[in-house]
N, C-alpha and C. Protein backbone atom coordinates (compact mmCIF):
# COMPACT_ATOMS: atom_id res chain seq x y z
N UNK A 1 94.09 95.72 72.30
CA UNK A 1 92.85 96.71 73.25
C UNK A 1 92.59 95.79 74.42
N UNK A 2 91.92 96.74 75.68
CA UNK A 2 90.94 96.30 76.34
C UNK A 2 90.10 95.72 76.70
N UNK A 3 89.29 94.64 76.72
CA UNK A 3 89.04 94.45 76.81
C UNK A 3 87.93 93.71 77.49
N UNK A 4 86.93 93.54 78.54
CA UNK A 4 85.55 92.12 79.13
C UNK A 4 86.32 92.24 80.12
N UNK A 5 86.29 93.44 80.97
CA UNK A 5 86.66 93.11 82.22
C UNK A 5 85.38 94.42 82.66
N UNK A 6 84.27 94.57 81.70
CA UNK A 6 83.06 94.69 82.41
C UNK A 6 82.71 94.22 82.98
N UNK A 7 83.21 92.32 84.34
CA UNK A 7 82.29 92.00 85.00
C UNK A 7 83.06 92.37 86.45
N UNK A 8 84.05 92.93 85.95
CA UNK A 8 85.59 93.14 87.48
C UNK A 8 85.59 94.19 88.03
N UNK A 9 83.54 93.90 89.32
CA UNK A 9 83.22 95.16 89.01
C UNK A 9 84.31 95.69 90.95
N UNK A 10 84.97 94.70 91.38
CA UNK A 10 85.49 95.23 92.35
C UNK A 10 87.56 94.71 92.41
N UNK A 11 87.78 95.48 91.07
CA UNK A 11 89.20 94.56 90.36
C UNK A 11 89.84 95.84 91.34
N UNK A 12 90.71 95.78 92.19
CA UNK A 12 91.59 97.29 92.63
C UNK A 12 93.09 97.10 91.95
N UNK A 13 93.39 96.18 91.30
CA UNK A 13 94.65 96.69 91.17
C UNK A 13 95.00 95.75 89.29
N UNK A 14 96.00 97.21 87.94
CA UNK A 14 95.30 96.62 86.85
C UNK A 14 96.55 96.91 86.43
N UNK A 15 97.08 95.88 85.64
CA UNK A 15 97.99 96.78 85.42
C UNK A 15 98.03 95.86 83.46
N UNK A 16 99.05 96.97 82.71
CA UNK A 16 98.98 96.48 81.84
C UNK A 16 100.07 97.17 80.69
N UNK A 17 101.07 97.55 81.64
CA UNK A 17 102.77 97.87 80.56
C UNK A 17 102.71 96.89 79.62
N UNK A 18 103.35 97.83 78.44
CA UNK A 18 104.52 97.23 77.87
C UNK A 18 103.01 96.04 76.81
N UNK A 19 102.14 96.99 76.35
CA UNK A 19 101.10 95.70 75.57
C UNK A 19 100.86 96.23 74.20
N UNK A 20 101.30 97.40 73.93
CA UNK A 20 100.65 97.93 72.92
C UNK A 20 99.06 98.62 72.84
N UNK A 21 99.27 99.23 74.15
CA UNK A 21 98.32 99.52 73.97
C UNK A 21 97.63 101.18 73.20
N UNK A 22 96.61 101.26 72.26
CA UNK A 22 96.94 102.43 71.44
C UNK A 22 95.90 103.36 71.92
N UNK A 23 94.65 102.71 73.26
CA UNK A 23 93.97 103.94 73.73
C UNK A 23 93.58 102.56 75.29
N UNK A 24 92.48 104.15 75.78
CA UNK A 24 92.26 103.42 77.16
C UNK A 24 90.83 103.26 76.61
N UNK A 25 90.19 102.98 77.15
CA UNK A 25 88.98 102.04 76.53
C UNK A 25 88.22 100.54 77.45
N UNK A 26 86.86 100.54 77.62
CA UNK A 26 86.24 99.62 78.42
C UNK A 26 86.81 100.08 80.31
N UNK A 27 87.03 100.90 80.39
CA UNK A 27 87.17 100.77 81.78
C UNK A 27 86.51 101.89 82.64
N UNK A 28 85.39 102.02 81.75
CA UNK A 28 84.48 102.34 82.75
C UNK A 28 84.21 102.05 83.79
N UNK A 29 83.92 101.01 84.41
CA UNK A 29 82.97 100.16 84.85
C UNK A 29 83.54 99.38 86.56
N UNK A 30 85.14 100.10 86.05
CA UNK A 30 85.79 99.22 87.41
C UNK A 30 85.99 100.74 88.03
N UNK A 31 84.49 101.01 88.97
CA UNK A 31 84.45 101.80 89.75
C UNK A 31 85.00 101.34 91.01
N UNK A 32 86.45 100.41 92.04
CA UNK A 32 86.13 100.06 92.87
C UNK A 32 88.43 100.16 92.30
N UNK A 33 88.18 100.56 91.58
CA UNK A 33 89.71 101.33 91.94
C UNK A 33 90.44 101.51 92.76
N UNK A 34 91.19 101.68 93.45
CA UNK A 34 91.94 102.05 94.72
C UNK A 34 92.92 101.89 94.97
N UNK A 35 93.42 100.68 95.32
CA UNK A 35 95.02 100.91 95.57
C UNK A 35 95.26 100.62 93.98
N UNK A 36 95.23 101.18 93.28
CA UNK A 36 94.89 100.78 91.54
C UNK A 36 97.01 101.72 91.40
N UNK A 37 97.12 100.61 90.70
CA UNK A 37 98.57 101.46 90.21
C UNK A 37 98.17 101.30 88.10
N UNK A 38 97.79 101.56 87.57
CA UNK A 38 97.31 101.97 86.44
C UNK A 38 98.28 101.71 85.40
N UNK A 39 99.59 101.24 85.85
CA UNK A 39 100.39 100.61 84.81
C UNK A 39 100.41 101.07 83.21
N UNK A 40 100.12 101.17 82.57
CA UNK A 40 99.97 102.26 81.05
C UNK A 40 100.82 101.91 80.34
N UNK A 41 102.54 102.10 81.42
CA UNK A 41 103.31 102.37 80.57
C UNK A 41 104.02 102.07 78.93
N UNK A 42 104.94 102.23 78.61
CA UNK A 42 105.42 101.59 76.96
C UNK A 42 103.81 101.16 76.70
N UNK A 43 103.39 101.99 76.55
CA UNK A 43 101.79 101.37 75.23
C UNK A 43 102.13 102.18 74.30
N UNK A 44 101.52 102.99 73.82
CA UNK A 44 101.00 104.13 72.67
C UNK A 44 99.72 104.99 72.93
N UNK A 45 99.13 105.31 74.89
CA UNK A 45 98.31 106.01 74.44
C UNK A 45 98.68 107.87 73.84
N UNK A 46 97.77 107.99 73.06
CA UNK A 46 98.19 109.45 72.81
C UNK A 46 96.70 110.93 72.90
N UNK A 47 96.07 110.11 73.04
CA UNK A 47 94.81 111.47 73.00
C UNK A 47 94.23 111.78 74.76
N UNK A 48 94.68 112.52 74.68
CA UNK A 48 93.96 112.58 76.95
C UNK A 48 92.67 112.54 76.85
N UNK A 49 91.63 112.78 75.96
CA UNK A 49 90.78 112.23 76.24
C UNK A 49 89.95 110.14 76.42
N UNK A 50 91.24 109.17 76.65
CA UNK A 50 90.54 108.66 76.73
C UNK A 50 91.15 108.84 78.86
N UNK A 51 91.68 109.26 78.98
CA UNK A 51 91.60 108.97 80.55
C UNK A 51 90.53 109.45 80.94
N UNK A 52 89.42 109.93 80.09
CA UNK A 52 87.68 109.73 80.34
C UNK A 52 87.32 108.77 81.82
N UNK A 53 88.20 107.44 80.42
CA UNK A 53 86.99 106.23 81.44
C UNK A 53 88.02 105.93 82.23
N UNK A 54 89.14 106.96 82.78
CA UNK A 54 88.91 106.16 84.50
C UNK A 54 88.31 107.26 84.81
N UNK A 55 86.98 108.34 84.59
CA UNK A 55 86.40 109.69 85.41
C UNK A 55 85.46 108.47 86.78
N UNK A 56 85.27 107.18 86.95
CA UNK A 56 84.33 106.59 87.30
C UNK A 56 85.54 105.82 88.82
N UNK A 57 86.21 105.15 88.15
CA UNK A 57 87.73 105.01 89.27
C UNK A 57 87.88 106.41 90.15
N UNK A 58 87.06 106.65 91.33
CA UNK A 58 87.17 108.21 92.49
C UNK A 58 88.10 107.43 93.88
N UNK A 59 88.59 106.37 93.39
CA UNK A 59 89.73 106.20 94.97
C UNK A 59 90.08 106.29 93.95
N UNK A 60 90.80 106.42 93.07
CA UNK A 60 91.66 105.92 92.00
C UNK A 60 93.77 106.25 92.72
N UNK A 61 94.37 106.13 92.99
CA UNK A 61 95.45 106.50 93.61
C UNK A 61 96.83 107.37 92.29
N UNK A 62 96.76 105.72 91.39
CA UNK A 62 98.41 105.55 90.78
C UNK A 62 98.26 105.20 89.56
N UNK A 63 98.83 106.47 88.68
CA UNK A 63 98.78 105.99 87.08
C UNK A 63 100.18 106.09 86.19
N UNK A 64 100.58 105.10 86.18
CA UNK A 64 102.07 105.24 85.01
C UNK A 64 101.64 105.23 84.61
N UNK A 65 102.31 106.20 83.06
CA UNK A 65 101.65 106.77 81.94
C UNK A 65 102.76 107.14 81.50
N UNK A 66 104.54 107.08 82.08
CA UNK A 66 105.77 106.78 80.99
C UNK A 66 105.37 106.58 80.22
N UNK A 67 106.78 106.49 78.96
CA UNK A 67 107.11 106.25 77.81
C UNK A 67 105.45 106.03 77.35
N UNK A 68 104.02 107.10 77.39
CA UNK A 68 103.60 107.48 76.24
C UNK A 68 103.45 108.91 75.28
N UNK A 69 103.20 108.19 74.29
CA UNK A 69 103.06 110.15 74.04
C UNK A 69 102.80 111.04 74.70
N UNK A 70 101.54 110.58 75.69
CA UNK A 70 101.08 111.80 76.21
C UNK A 70 101.72 112.40 77.30
N UNK A 71 103.14 111.14 77.31
CA UNK A 71 104.61 112.58 77.88
C UNK A 71 105.15 113.14 77.79
N UNK A 72 105.04 113.09 76.75
CA UNK A 72 105.44 114.55 75.80
C UNK A 72 104.91 115.60 76.33
N UNK A 73 103.52 115.63 76.09
CA UNK A 73 103.38 116.56 76.52
C UNK A 73 103.20 117.68 77.82
N UNK A 74 104.31 118.87 77.64
CA UNK A 74 104.49 119.79 78.23
C UNK A 74 104.18 120.43 80.10
N UNK A 75 102.55 119.75 79.51
CA UNK A 75 101.74 119.83 80.92
C UNK A 75 101.56 118.60 81.11
N UNK A 76 102.03 117.81 81.02
CA UNK A 76 101.70 115.81 80.60
C UNK A 76 101.60 115.45 82.77
N UNK A 77 102.03 116.65 83.30
CA UNK A 77 101.94 116.56 85.15
C UNK A 77 100.38 117.06 84.85
N UNK A 78 100.07 118.37 84.94
CA UNK A 78 99.53 119.19 85.73
C UNK A 78 97.75 118.32 84.69
N UNK A 79 97.53 117.81 83.08
CA UNK A 79 96.59 117.17 82.62
C UNK A 79 96.22 116.45 83.79
N UNK A 80 97.22 115.10 83.96
CA UNK A 80 96.94 114.08 85.11
C UNK A 80 95.81 114.12 86.10
N UNK A 81 96.59 115.60 86.18
CA UNK A 81 95.72 116.06 87.83
C UNK A 81 94.60 116.47 87.40
N UNK A 82 94.61 116.80 86.51
CA UNK A 82 92.70 117.83 86.95
C UNK A 82 92.05 117.18 86.15
N UNK A 83 92.24 116.07 85.56
CA UNK A 83 91.88 114.92 84.42
C UNK A 83 90.93 114.84 85.79
N UNK A 84 92.17 113.41 86.74
CA UNK A 84 92.21 111.94 88.23
C UNK A 84 92.25 113.10 89.09
N UNK A 85 91.62 113.72 89.88
CA UNK A 85 91.93 115.06 90.90
C UNK A 85 92.12 113.77 91.51
N UNK A 86 91.75 112.55 92.15
CA UNK A 86 92.51 111.65 92.86
C UNK A 86 93.47 111.61 93.28
N UNK A 87 94.02 111.03 91.58
CA UNK A 87 95.11 110.77 91.73
C UNK A 87 96.22 110.94 92.01
N UNK A 88 97.44 110.46 93.62
CA UNK A 88 98.24 110.86 94.38
C UNK A 88 100.26 110.42 93.57
N UNK A 89 100.09 109.51 92.78
CA UNK A 89 100.91 108.93 92.35
C UNK A 89 101.27 109.42 90.67
N UNK A 90 101.84 109.85 90.09
CA UNK A 90 102.32 109.49 89.36
C UNK A 90 103.31 109.64 88.43
N UNK A 91 103.29 108.58 87.27
CA UNK A 91 104.18 106.90 87.31
C UNK A 91 104.79 106.98 88.58
N UNK A 92 106.50 107.45 89.31
CA UNK A 92 106.70 106.76 90.12
C UNK A 92 107.02 108.15 91.23
N UNK A 93 107.48 109.54 91.05
CA UNK A 93 106.75 110.77 92.08
C UNK A 93 106.01 111.40 91.99
N UNK A 94 105.00 111.22 93.68
CA UNK A 94 104.58 111.84 94.47
C UNK A 94 103.87 113.09 94.26
N UNK A 95 102.19 113.62 94.32
CA UNK A 95 102.09 114.70 93.94
C UNK A 95 102.56 115.50 95.28
N UNK A 96 103.17 116.61 95.66
CA UNK A 96 102.65 117.95 96.24
C UNK A 96 101.37 118.49 95.65
N UNK A 97 100.59 118.49 97.73
CA UNK A 97 99.88 119.64 97.30
C UNK A 97 100.06 121.08 98.81
């Protein structure tokens, strides 16, 4: 469970990999995630609507969701780009424009 981050409004980096997390939640107050690598790899994220938790992070540039059930979706990269338009890197690969 992701919790107790509400008061960390200046947080810029968040690393949560390999924690058996099943749902992205309680991240909507993190507005200053700019140099952010939300490393959520090796967890159990399987619901695309969980990415809505990151919509307030308007400067979010990097997300790592490798080895989560979401990655099995053939539209994995495209869906991340649509959900989080500021992202410039998905996992270890930069987005081409």
